[in-house]
């Protein structure tokens, strides 16, 4: 049986993932394209966007570089939700 994980809507993994997906879509690239350009597995990237993965800073930097953004842009989410 799969392990059930209780995740709050205030969880920074969810907020980061939601922000990443929003920025990626605004730029107009697919998850697969971002995965290829960043060198991060598409399945891992999907987990990050769903808030299921606790992403490392090195991967945040890889994603930011592929999106042509400053890494800080990926961390700009509504902090009062925390």
PDB file of N, CA and C in Angstrom:
ATOM      1  N   UNK A   1       0.845  -1.180   0.000  1.00  0.00           N
ATOM      2  CA  UNK A   1       0.000   0.000   0.000  1.00  0.00           C
ATOM      3  C   UNK A   1       0.889   1.241   0.000  1.00  0.00           C
ATOM      4  N   UNK A   2       0.518   2.248  -0.785  1.00  0.00           N
ATOM      5  CA  UNK A   2       1.282   3.498  -0.878  1.00  0.00           C
ATOM      6  C   UNK A   2       1.156   4.299   0.410  1.00  0.00           C
ATOM      7  N   UNK A   3       2.248   4.910   0.803  1.00  0.00           N
ATOM      8  CA  UNK A   3       2.258   5.729   2.013  1.00  0.00           C
ATOM      9  C   UNK A   3       1.536   7.051   1.751  1.00  0.00           C
ATOM     10  N   UNK A   4       0.590   7.390   2.603  1.00  0.00           N
ATOM     11  CA  UNK A   4      -0.173   8.648   2.493  1.00  0.00           C
ATOM     12  C   UNK A   4       0.619   9.754   3.189  1.00  0.00           C
ATOM     13  N   UNK A   5       0.819  10.876   2.495  1.00  0.00           N
ATOM     14  CA  UNK A   5       1.535  12.009   3.077  1.00  0.00           C
ATOM     15  C   UNK A   5       0.555  13.150   3.249  1.00  0.00           C
ATOM     16  N   UNK A   6       0.469  13.661   4.473  1.00  0.00           N
ATOM     17  CA  UNK A   6      -0.423  14.781   4.768  1.00  0.00           C
ATOM     18  C   UNK A   6       0.349  16.077   4.525  1.00  0.00           C
ATOM     19  N   UNK A   7      -0.066  16.829   3.508  1.00  0.00           N
ATOM     20  CA  UNK A   7       0.632  18.055   3.135  1.00  0.00           C
ATOM     21  C   UNK A   7      -0.310  19.236   3.295  1.00  0.00           C
ATOM     22  N   UNK A   8       0.128  20.232   4.043  1.00  0.00           N
ATOM     23  CA  UNK A   8      -0.645  21.455   4.246  1.00  0.00           C
ATOM     24  C   UNK A   8      -0.577  22.330   3.004  1.00  0.00           C
ATOM     25  N   UNK A   9      -1.638  23.092   2.763  1.00  0.00           N
ATOM     26  CA  UNK A   9      -1.635  24.042   1.643  1.00  0.00           C
ATOM     27  C   UNK A   9      -0.604  25.138   1.854  1.00  0.00           C
ATOM     28  N   UNK A  10      -0.082  25.263   3.069  1.00  0.00           N
ATOM     29  CA  UNK A  10       0.948  26.252   3.376  1.00  0.00           C
ATOM     30  C   UNK A  10       2.355  25.681   3.182  1.00  0.00           C
ATOM     31  N   UNK A  11       2.443  24.426   2.817  1.00  0.00           N
ATOM     32  CA  UNK A  11       3.726  23.754   2.658  1.00  0.00           C
ATOM     33  C   UNK A  11       4.552  24.480   1.589  1.00  0.00           C
ATOM     34  N   UNK A  12       5.782  24.883   1.907  1.00  0.00           N
ATOM     35  CA  UNK A  12       6.600  25.602   0.929  1.00  0.00           C
ATOM     36  C   UNK A  12       6.878  24.785  -0.327  1.00  0.00           C
ATOM     37  N   UNK A  13       6.851  23.451  -0.236  1.00  0.00           N
ATOM     38  CA  UNK A  13       7.035  22.627  -1.436  1.00  0.00           C
ATOM     39  C   UNK A  13       5.875  22.834  -2.403  1.00  0.00           C
ATOM     40  N   UNK A  14       4.656  22.938  -1.881  1.00  0.00           N
ATOM     41  CA  UNK A  14       3.488  23.199  -2.728  1.00  0.00           C
ATOM     42  C   UNK A  14       3.544  24.598  -3.326  1.00  0.00           C
ATOM     43  N   UNK A  15       3.905  25.577  -2.501  1.00  0.00           N
ATOM     44  CA  UNK A  15       3.979  26.958  -2.970  1.00  0.00           C
ATOM     45  C   UNK A  15       5.061  27.116  -4.042  1.00  0.00           C
ATOM     46  N   UNK A  16       6.218  26.491  -3.818  1.00  0.00           N
ATOM     47  CA  UNK A  16       7.307  26.551  -4.803  1.00  0.00           C
ATOM     48  C   UNK A  16       6.871  25.879  -6.101  1.00  0.00           C
ATOM     49  N   UNK A  17       6.316  24.687  -5.991  1.00  0.00           N
ATOM     50  CA  UNK A  17       5.895  23.938  -7.172  1.00  0.00           C
ATOM     51  C   UNK A  17       4.853  24.669  -7.987  1.00  0.00           C
ATOM     52  N   UNK A  18       3.901  25.270  -7.300  1.00  0.00           N
ATOM     53  CA  UNK A  18       2.853  26.028  -7.975  1.00  0.00           C
ATOM     54  C   UNK A  18       3.452  27.238  -8.699  1.00  0.00           C
ATOM     55  N   UNK A  19       4.378  27.908  -8.045  1.00  0.00           N
ATOM     56  CA  UNK A  19       5.039  29.070  -8.646  1.00  0.00           C
ATOM     57  C   UNK A  19       5.878  28.646  -9.856  1.00  0.00           C
ATOM     58  N   UNK A  20       6.594  27.545  -9.727  1.00  0.00           N
ATOM     59  CA  UNK A  20       7.396  27.033 -10.839  1.00  0.00           C
ATOM     60  C   UNK A  20       6.511  26.719 -12.044  1.00  0.00           C
ATOM     61  N   UNK A  21       5.413  26.018 -11.820  1.00  0.00           N
ATOM     62  CA  UNK A  21       4.505  25.660 -12.913  1.00  0.00           C
ATOM     63  C   UNK A  21       3.927  26.913 -13.573  1.00  0.00           C
ATOM     64  N   UNK A  22       3.555  27.897 -12.752  1.00  0.00           N
ATOM     65  CA  UNK A  22       2.994  29.146 -13.279  1.00  0.00           C
ATOM     66  C   UNK A  22       4.012  29.868 -14.157  1.00  0.00           C
ATOM     67  N   UNK A  23       5.237  29.999 -13.679  1.00  0.00           N
ATOM     68  CA  UNK A  23       6.281  30.684 -14.444  1.00  0.00           C
ATOM     69  C   UNK A  23       6.618  29.921 -15.725  1.00  0.00           C
ATOM     70  N   UNK A  24       6.698  28.601 -15.633  1.00  0.00           N
ATOM     71  CA  UNK A  24       6.996  27.780 -16.804  1.00  0.00           C
ATOM     72  C   UNK A  24       5.930  27.971 -17.886  1.00  0.00           C
ATOM     73  N   UNK A  25       4.668  27.957 -17.461  1.00  0.00           N
ATOM     74  CA  UNK A  25       3.565  28.126 -18.411  1.00  0.00           C
ATOM     75  C   UNK A  25       3.543  29.532 -18.997  1.00  0.00           C
ATOM     76  N   UNK A  26       3.860  30.548 -18.180  1.00  0.00           N
ATOM     77  CA  UNK A  26       3.918  31.925 -18.683  1.00  0.00           C
ATOM     78  C   UNK A  26       4.984  32.070 -19.766  1.00  0.00           C
ATOM     79  N   UNK A  27       6.094  31.374 -19.579  1.00  0.00           N
ATOM     80  CA  UNK A  27       7.181  31.418 -20.555  1.00  0.00           C
ATOM     81  C   UNK A  27       6.803  30.615 -21.796  1.00  0.00           C
ATOM     82  N   UNK A  28       5.919  29.644 -21.609  1.00  0.00           N
ATOM     83  CA  UNK A  28       5.406  28.887 -22.745  1.00  0.00           C
ATOM     84  C   UNK A  28       6.182  27.633 -23.092  1.00  0.00           C
ATOM     85  N   UNK A  29       6.754  26.983 -22.078  1.00  0.00           N
ATOM     86  CA  UNK A  29       7.438  25.720 -22.370  1.00  0.00           C
ATOM     87  C   UNK A  29       6.798  24.588 -21.574  1.00  0.00           C
ATOM     88  N   UNK A  30       6.938  23.400 -22.116  1.00  0.00           N
ATOM     89  CA  UNK A  30       6.369  22.216 -21.479  1.00  0.00           C
ATOM     90  C   UNK A  30       7.278  21.725 -20.351  1.00  0.00           C
ATOM     91  N   UNK A  31       6.730  20.866 -19.522  1.00  0.00           N
ATOM     92  CA  UNK A  31       7.522  20.232 -18.477  1.00  0.00           C
ATOM     93  C   UNK A  31       8.673  19.451 -19.099  1.00  0.00           C
ATOM     94  N   UNK A  32       8.381  18.742 -20.165  1.00  0.00           N
ATOM     95  CA  UNK A  32       9.400  17.935 -20.828  1.00  0.00           C
ATOM     96  C   UNK A  32      10.530  18.811 -21.373  1.00  0.00           C
ATOM     97  N   UNK A  33      10.167  19.925 -21.962  1.00  0.00           N
ATOM     98  CA  UNK A  33      11.173  20.849 -22.511  1.00  0.00           C
ATOM     99  C   UNK A  33      12.037  21.424 -21.390  1.00  0.00           C
ATOM    100  N   UNK A  34      11.398  21.814 -20.272  1.00  0.00           N
ATOM    101  CA  UNK A  34      12.157  22.346 -19.139  1.00  0.00           C
ATOM    102  C   UNK A  34      13.081  21.276 -18.564  1.00  0.00           C
ATOM    103  N   UNK A  35      12.586  20.054 -18.489  1.00  0.00           N
ATOM    104  CA  UNK A  35      13.412  18.955 -17.979  1.00  0.00           C
ATOM    105  C   UNK A  35      14.653  18.772 -18.859  1.00  0.00           C
ATOM    106  N   UNK A  36      14.470  18.775 -20.158  1.00  0.00           N
ATOM    107  CA  UNK A  36      15.596  18.604 -21.074  1.00  0.00           C
ATOM    108  C   UNK A  36      16.601  19.748 -20.965  1.00  0.00           C
ATOM    109  N   UNK A  37      16.093  20.969 -20.894  1.00  0.00           N
ATOM    110  CA  UNK A  37      16.980  22.138 -20.850  1.00  0.00           C
ATOM    111  C   UNK A  37      17.707  22.281 -19.516  1.00  0.00           C
ATOM    112  N   UNK A  38      17.102  21.780 -18.439  1.00  0.00           N
ATOM    113  CA  UNK A  38      17.712  21.916 -17.118  1.00  0.00           C
ATOM    114  C   UNK A  38      18.531  20.691 -16.716  1.00  0.00           C
ATOM    115  N   UNK A  39      18.346  19.572 -17.430  1.00  0.00           N
ATOM    116  CA  UNK A  39      19.051  18.348 -17.063  1.00  0.00           C
ATOM    117  C   UNK A  39      18.417  17.633 -15.882  1.00  0.00           C
ATOM    118  N   UNK A  40      17.174  17.959 -15.590  1.00  0.00           N
ATOM    119  CA  UNK A  40      16.436  17.349 -14.474  1.00  0.00           C
ATOM    120  C   UNK A  40      15.397  16.403 -15.061  1.00  0.00           C
ATOM    121  N   UNK A  41      15.271  15.219 -14.489  1.00  0.00           N
ATOM    122  CA  UNK A  41      14.316  14.225 -14.991  1.00  0.00           C
ATOM    123  C   UNK A  41      12.890  14.787 -14.975  1.00  0.00           C
ATOM    124  N   UNK A  42      12.138  14.512 -16.043  1.00  0.00           N
ATOM    125  CA  UNK A  42      10.776  15.022 -16.151  1.00  0.00           C
ATOM    126  C   UNK A  42       9.888  14.511 -15.026  1.00  0.00           C
ATOM    127  N   UNK A  43      10.055  13.259 -14.623  1.00  0.00           N
ATOM    128  CA  UNK A  43       9.230  12.728 -13.534  1.00  0.00           C
ATOM    129  C   UNK A  43       9.532  13.441 -12.212  1.00  0.00           C
ATOM    130  N   UNK A  44      10.815  13.756 -11.978  1.00  0.00           N
ATOM    131  CA  UNK A  44      11.200  14.498 -10.781  1.00  0.00           C
ATOM    132  C   UNK A  44      10.607  15.906 -10.830  1.00  0.00           C
ATOM    133  N   UNK A  45      10.708  16.543 -12.005  1.00  0.00           N
ATOM    134  CA  UNK A  45      10.164  17.888 -12.189  1.00  0.00           C
ATOM    135  C   UNK A  45       8.659  17.904 -11.929  1.00  0.00           C
ATOM    136  N   UNK A  46       7.950  16.897 -12.405  1.00  0.00           N
ATOM    137  CA  UNK A  46       6.513  16.794 -12.142  1.00  0.00           C
ATOM    138  C   UNK A  46       6.229  16.705 -10.654  1.00  0.00           C
ATOM    139  N   UNK A  47       7.043  15.933  -9.935  1.00  0.00           N
ATOM    140  CA  UNK A  47       6.897  15.828  -8.483  1.00  0.00           C
ATOM    141  C   UNK A  47       7.155  17.142  -7.779  1.00  0.00           C
ATOM    142  N   UNK A  48       8.126  17.903  -8.289  1.00  0.00           N
ATOM    143  CA  UNK A  48       8.418  19.233  -7.720  1.00  0.00           C
ATOM    144  C   UNK A  48       7.208  20.143  -7.925  1.00  0.00           C
ATOM    145  N   UNK A  49       6.654  20.155  -9.134  1.00  0.00           N
ATOM    146  CA  UNK A  49       5.509  21.030  -9.424  1.00  0.00           C
ATOM    147  C   UNK A  49       4.272  20.633  -8.613  1.00  0.00           C
ATOM    148  N   UNK A  50       4.154  19.368  -8.270  1.00  0.00           N
ATOM    149  CA  UNK A  50       3.024  18.915  -7.441  1.00  0.00           C
ATOM    150  C   UNK A  50       3.290  19.084  -5.943  1.00  0.00           C
ATOM    151  N   UNK A  51       4.500  19.540  -5.588  1.00  0.00           N
ATOM    152  CA  UNK A  51       4.844  19.736  -4.189  1.00  0.00           C
ATOM    153  C   UNK A  51       5.184  18.448  -3.463  1.00  0.00           C
ATOM    154  N   UNK A  52       5.537  17.412  -4.211  1.00  0.00           N
ATOM    155  CA  UNK A  52       5.860  16.117  -3.623  1.00  0.00           C
ATOM    156  C   UNK A  52       7.353  15.936  -3.375  1.00  0.00           C
ATOM    157  N   UNK A  53       8.158  16.840  -3.891  1.00  0.00           N
ATOM    158  CA  UNK A  53       9.611  16.733  -3.767  1.00  0.00           C
ATOM    159  C   UNK A  53      10.166  17.946  -3.042  1.00  0.00           C
ATOM    160  N   UNK A  54      11.171  17.707  -2.232  1.00  0.00           N
ATOM    161  CA  UNK A  54      11.877  18.778  -1.537  1.00  0.00           C
ATOM    162  C   UNK A  54      13.126  19.084  -2.369  1.00  0.00           C
ATOM    163  N   UNK A  55      13.025  20.076  -3.230  1.00  0.00           N
ATOM    164  CA  UNK A  55      14.060  20.351  -4.222  1.00  0.00           C
ATOM    165  C   UNK A  55      15.308  20.961  -3.595  1.00  0.00           C
ATOM    166  N   UNK A  56      16.459  20.555  -4.115  1.00  0.00           N
ATOM    167  CA  UNK A  56      17.747  21.079  -3.647  1.00  0.00           C
ATOM    168  C   UNK A  56      18.051  22.410  -4.329  1.00  0.00           C
ATOM    169  N   UNK A  57      18.841  23.232  -3.670  1.00  0.00           N
ATOM    170  CA  UNK A  57      19.190  24.552  -4.197  1.00  0.00           C
ATOM    171  C   UNK A  57      19.890  24.455  -5.555  1.00  0.00           C
ATOM    172  N   UNK A  58      20.708  23.429  -5.754  1.00  0.00           N
ATOM    173  CA  UNK A  58      21.388  23.274  -7.048  1.00  0.00           C
ATOM    174  C   UNK A  58      20.367  23.084  -8.163  1.00  0.00           C
ATOM    175  N   UNK A  59      19.282  22.370  -7.882  1.00  0.00           N
ATOM    176  CA  UNK A  59      18.246  22.156  -8.893  1.00  0.00           C
ATOM    177  C   UNK A  59      17.401  23.407  -9.113  1.00  0.00           C
ATOM    178  N   UNK A  60      17.218  24.198  -8.074  1.00  0.00           N
ATOM    179  CA  UNK A  60      16.531  25.487  -8.238  1.00  0.00           C
ATOM    180  C   UNK A  60      17.342  26.358  -9.196  1.00  0.00           C
ATOM    181  N   UNK A  61      18.650  26.355  -9.028  1.00  0.00           N
ATOM    182  CA  UNK A  61      19.519  27.149  -9.905  1.00  0.00           C
ATOM    183  C   UNK A  61      19.493  26.632 -11.337  1.00  0.00           C
ATOM    184  N   UNK A  62      19.477  25.316 -11.531  1.00  0.00           N
ATOM    185  CA  UNK A  62      19.394  24.739 -12.876  1.00  0.00           C
ATOM    186  C   UNK A  62      18.086  25.135 -13.563  1.00  0.00           C
ATOM    187  N   UNK A  63      16.984  25.060 -12.812  1.00  0.00           N
ATOM    188  CA  UNK A  63      15.682  25.434 -13.373  1.00  0.00           C
ATOM    189  C   UNK A  63      15.650  26.912 -13.731  1.00  0.00           C
ATOM    190  N   UNK A  64      16.165  27.748 -12.837  1.00  0.00           N
ATOM    191  CA  UNK A  64      16.186  29.189 -13.094  1.00  0.00           C
ATOM    192  C   UNK A  64      16.999  29.501 -14.341  1.00  0.00           C
ATOM    193  N   UNK A  65      18.137  28.862 -14.490  1.00  0.00           N
ATOM    194  CA  UNK A  65      18.978  29.093 -15.670  1.00  0.00           C
ATOM    195  C   UNK A  65      18.234  28.668 -16.942  1.00  0.00           C
ATOM    196  N   UNK A  66      17.578  27.524 -16.908  1.00  0.00           N
ATOM    197  CA  UNK A  66      16.830  27.048 -18.080  1.00  0.00           C
ATOM    198  C   UNK A  66      15.661  27.969 -18.418  1.00  0.00           C
ATOM    199  N   UNK A  67      15.053  28.559 -17.384  1.00  0.00           N
ATOM    200  CA  UNK A  67      13.928  29.486 -17.591  1.00  0.00           C
ATOM    201  C   UNK A  67      14.394  30.917 -17.868  1.00  0.00           C
ATOM    202  N   UNK A  68      15.716  31.135 -17.775  1.00  0.00           N
ATOM    203  CA  UNK A  68      16.310  32.472 -17.952  1.00  0.00           C
ATOM    204  C   UNK A  68      15.761  33.463 -16.929  1.00  0.00           C
ATOM    205  N   UNK A  69      15.701  32.977 -15.689  1.00  0.00           N
ATOM    206  CA  UNK A  69      15.225  33.774 -14.561  1.00  0.00           C
ATOM    207  C   UNK A  69      16.283  33.788 -13.478  1.00  0.00           C
ATOM    208  N   UNK A  70      16.207  34.760 -12.607  1.00  0.00           N
ATOM    209  CA  UNK A  70      17.020  34.760 -11.403  1.00  0.00           C
ATOM    210  C   UNK A  70      16.422  33.709 -10.462  1.00  0.00           C
ATOM    211  N   UNK A  71      17.245  32.921  -9.774  1.00  0.00           N
ATOM    212  CA  UNK A  71      16.689  31.911  -8.866  1.00  0.00           C
ATOM    213  C   UNK A  71      15.689  32.478  -7.853  1.00  0.00           C
ATOM    214  N   UNK A  72      15.872  33.730  -7.466  1.00  0.00           N
ATOM    215  CA  UNK A  72      14.964  34.331  -6.486  1.00  0.00           C
ATOM    216  C   UNK A  72      13.528  34.406  -7.005  1.00  0.00           C
ATOM    217  N   UNK A  73      13.356  34.476  -8.336  1.00  0.00           N
ATOM    218  CA  UNK A  73      12.004  34.526  -8.914  1.00  0.00           C
ATOM    219  C   UNK A  73      11.222  33.249  -8.601  1.00  0.00           C
ATOM    220  N   UNK A  74      11.924  32.131  -8.526  1.00  0.00           N
ATOM    221  CA  UNK A  74      11.258  30.865  -8.229  1.00  0.00           C
ATOM    222  C   UNK A  74      10.809  30.787  -6.773  1.00  0.00           C
ATOM    223  N   UNK A  75      11.399  31.618  -5.939  1.00  0.00           N
ATOM    224  CA  UNK A  75      11.070  31.608  -4.514  1.00  0.00           C
ATOM    225  C   UNK A  75      10.111  32.724  -4.123  1.00  0.00           C
ATOM    226  N   UNK A  76       9.622  33.450  -5.096  1.00  0.00           N
ATOM    227  CA  UNK A  76       8.673  34.536  -4.817  1.00  0.00           C
ATOM    228  C   UNK A  76       7.251  33.985  -4.846  1.00  0.00           C
ATOM    229  N   UNK A  77       6.820  33.525  -3.691  1.00  0.00           N
ATOM    230  CA  UNK A  77       5.438  33.108  -3.549  1.00  0.00           C
ATOM    231  C   UNK A  77       4.883  33.776  -2.314  1.00  0.00           C
ATOM    232  N   UNK A  78       3.590  33.756  -2.178  1.00  0.00           N
ATOM    233  CA  UNK A  78       2.914  34.479  -1.114  1.00  0.00           C
ATOM    234  C   UNK A  78       3.333  33.929   0.255  1.00  0.00           C
ATOM    235  N   UNK A  79       4.240  34.647   0.925  1.00  0.00           N
ATOM    236  CA  UNK A  79       4.789  34.176   2.200  1.00  0.00           C
ATOM    237  C   UNK A  79       3.759  34.189   3.325  1.00  0.00           C
ATOM    238  N   UNK A  80       2.665  34.932   3.205  1.00  0.00           N
ATOM    239  CA  UNK A  80       1.675  34.893   4.289  1.00  0.00           C
ATOM    240  C   UNK A  80       0.873  33.596   4.250  1.00  0.00           C
ATOM    241  N   UNK A  81       1.103  32.756   3.246  1.00  0.00           N
ATOM    242  CA  UNK A  81       0.465  31.441   3.216  1.00  0.00           C
ATOM    243  C   UNK A  81       1.272  30.450   4.051  1.00  0.00           C
ATOM    244  N   UNK A  82       2.498  30.841   4.436  1.00  0.00           N
ATOM    245  CA  UNK A  82       3.354  29.948   5.235  1.00  0.00           C
ATOM    246  C   UNK A  82       2.935  29.922   6.684  1.00  0.00           C
TER     247      UNK A  82
END
